[in-house]
Amino acid sequence: MVLRSLGDDKLTMTIKAARVNAGLTQKEAAEKLGISYQTLSRYENNPGRMPVKMVLDMCDLYHINVDSLFLHH
């Protein structure tokens, strides 16, 4: 397994896809995460700037595990 870099385009796509698969718009997800949709958009487009707690909160909200974001074979 290889750890993806936080700036990886695949990570960006995975985070966005997880939100969409959870049936949430950016606005809905942002409200549930307690942030603005603009902040969520920035995190989705530049995940390297996302605090670890936000990664964990997103994983909980989107019903995914952290490994699915950062690890690939």
C-alpha atoms as a PDB file:
ATOM      1  CA  MET A   1       0.000   0.000   0.000  1.00  0.00           C
ATOM      2  CA  VAL A   2       1.104   3.512  -0.788  1.00  0.00           C
ATOM      3  CA  LEU A   3       0.095   6.644   1.095  1.00  0.00           C
ATOM      4  CA  ARG A   4      -1.327   9.257  -1.256  1.00  0.00           C
ATOM      5  CA  SER A   5       0.070  12.742  -1.052  1.00  0.00           C
ATOM      6  CA  LEU A   6      -2.436  15.234   0.324  1.00  0.00           C
ATOM      7  CA  GLY A   7      -2.329  17.284  -2.880  1.00  0.00           C
ATOM      8  CA  ASP A   8      -3.147  14.290  -5.048  1.00  0.00           C
ATOM      9  CA  ASP A   9      -5.957  14.827  -7.589  1.00  0.00           C
ATOM     10  CA  LYS A  10      -7.235  11.351  -6.754  1.00  0.00           C
ATOM     11  CA  LEU A  11      -7.723  12.395  -3.130  1.00  0.00           C
ATOM     12  CA  THR A  12      -9.666  15.461  -4.269  1.00  0.00           C
ATOM     13  CA  MET A  13     -11.897  13.300  -6.466  1.00  0.00           C
ATOM     14  CA  THR A  14     -12.356  10.713  -3.685  1.00  0.00           C
ATOM     15  CA  ILE A  15     -13.502  13.321  -1.163  1.00  0.00           C
ATOM     16  CA  LYS A  16     -15.966  14.863  -3.612  1.00  0.00           C
ATOM     17  CA  ALA A  17     -17.256  11.438  -4.659  1.00  0.00           C
ATOM     18  CA  ALA A  18     -17.737  10.390  -1.036  1.00  0.00           C
ATOM     19  CA  ARG A  19     -19.904  13.453  -0.407  1.00  0.00           C
ATOM     20  CA  VAL A  20     -21.956  12.865  -3.548  1.00  0.00           C
ATOM     21  CA  ASN A  21     -22.319   9.150  -2.741  1.00  0.00           C
ATOM     22  CA  ALA A  22     -23.607  10.158   0.704  1.00  0.00           C
ATOM     23  CA  GLY A  23     -26.321  12.116  -1.111  1.00  0.00           C
ATOM     24  CA  LEU A  24     -25.170  15.512   0.139  1.00  0.00           C
ATOM     25  CA  THR A  25     -24.665  18.813  -1.618  1.00  0.00           C
ATOM     26  CA  GLN A  26     -21.737  20.977  -0.559  1.00  0.00           C
ATOM     27  CA  LYS A  27     -24.162  23.218   1.318  1.00  0.00           C
ATOM     28  CA  GLU A  28     -25.785  20.303   3.179  1.00  0.00           C
ATOM     29  CA  ALA A  29     -22.452  18.704   4.054  1.00  0.00           C
ATOM     30  CA  ALA A  30     -20.998  22.021   5.190  1.00  0.00           C
ATOM     31  CA  GLU A  31     -23.956  22.641   7.497  1.00  0.00           C
ATOM     32  CA  LYS A  32     -23.568  19.189   9.068  1.00  0.00           C
ATOM     33  CA  LEU A  33     -19.810  19.750   9.455  1.00  0.00           C
ATOM     34  CA  GLY A  34     -20.312  23.193  11.006  1.00  0.00           C
ATOM     35  CA  ILE A  35     -18.397  25.067   8.295  1.00  0.00           C
ATOM     36  CA  SER A  36     -19.339  27.302   5.366  1.00  0.00           C
ATOM     37  CA  TYR A  37     -19.830  25.745   1.955  1.00  0.00           C
ATOM     38  CA  GLN A  38     -16.980  27.947   0.711  1.00  0.00           C
ATOM     39  CA  THR A  39     -14.661  26.346   3.262  1.00  0.00           C
ATOM     40  CA  LEU A  40     -15.827  22.889   2.249  1.00  0.00           C
ATOM     41  CA  SER A  41     -15.200  23.764  -1.388  1.00  0.00           C
ATOM     42  CA  ARG A  42     -11.652  24.875  -0.522  1.00  0.00           C
ATOM     43  CA  TYR A  43     -11.047  21.632   1.376  1.00  0.00           C
ATOM     44  CA  GLU A  44     -12.396  19.544  -1.497  1.00  0.00           C
ATOM     45  CA  ASN A  45     -10.208  21.369  -4.008  1.00  0.00           C
ATOM     46  CA  ASN A  46      -7.090  21.554  -1.827  1.00  0.00           C
ATOM     47  CA  PRO A  47      -7.267  18.749   0.745  1.00  0.00           C
ATOM     48  CA  GLY A  48      -3.687  19.377   1.837  1.00  0.00           C
ATOM     49  CA  ARG A  49      -5.002  22.327   3.850  1.00  0.00           C
ATOM     50  CA  MET A  50      -7.667  20.307   5.637  1.00  0.00           C
ATOM     51  CA  PRO A  51      -7.249  19.780   9.409  1.00  0.00           C
ATOM     52  CA  VAL A  52      -7.069  16.137  10.481  1.00  0.00           C
ATOM     53  CA  LYS A  53     -10.214  16.548  12.591  1.00  0.00           C
ATOM     54  CA  MET A  54     -12.106  17.651   9.478  1.00  0.00           C
ATOM     55  CA  VAL A  55     -10.918  14.569   7.610  1.00  0.00           C
ATOM     56  CA  LEU A  56     -12.249  12.404  10.436  1.00  0.00           C
ATOM     57  CA  ASP A  57     -15.522  14.344  10.598  1.00  0.00           C
ATOM     58  CA  MET A  58     -15.995  13.948   6.842  1.00  0.00           C
ATOM     59  CA  CYS A  59     -15.324  10.234   7.079  1.00  0.00           C
ATOM     60  CA  ASP A  60     -17.993   9.912   9.764  1.00  0.00           C
ATOM     61  CA  LEU A  61     -20.499  12.004   7.817  1.00  0.00           C
ATOM     62  CA  TYR A  62     -19.864  10.243   4.495  1.00  0.00           C
ATOM     63  CA  HIS A  63     -19.732   6.770   6.100  1.00  0.00           C
ATOM     64  CA  ILE A  64     -16.262   5.953   4.804  1.00  0.00           C
ATOM     65  CA  ASN A  65     -13.056   5.035   6.587  1.00  0.00           C
ATOM     66  CA  VAL A  66      -9.847   7.030   6.527  1.00  0.00           C
ATOM     67  CA  ASP A  67      -7.989   4.254   4.720  1.00  0.00           C
ATOM     68  CA  SER A  68     -10.284   4.615   1.725  1.00  0.00           C
ATOM     69  CA  LEU A  69      -9.112   8.229   1.342  1.00  0.00           C
ATOM     70  CA  PHE A  70      -5.389   7.807   1.759  1.00  0.00           C
ATOM     71  CA  LEU A  71      -4.432   4.260   0.885  1.00  0.00           C
ATOM     72  CA  HIS A  72      -4.441   2.488  -2.424  1.00  0.00           C
ATOM     73  CA  HIS A  73      -2.799  -0.656  -3.767  1.00  0.00           C
END
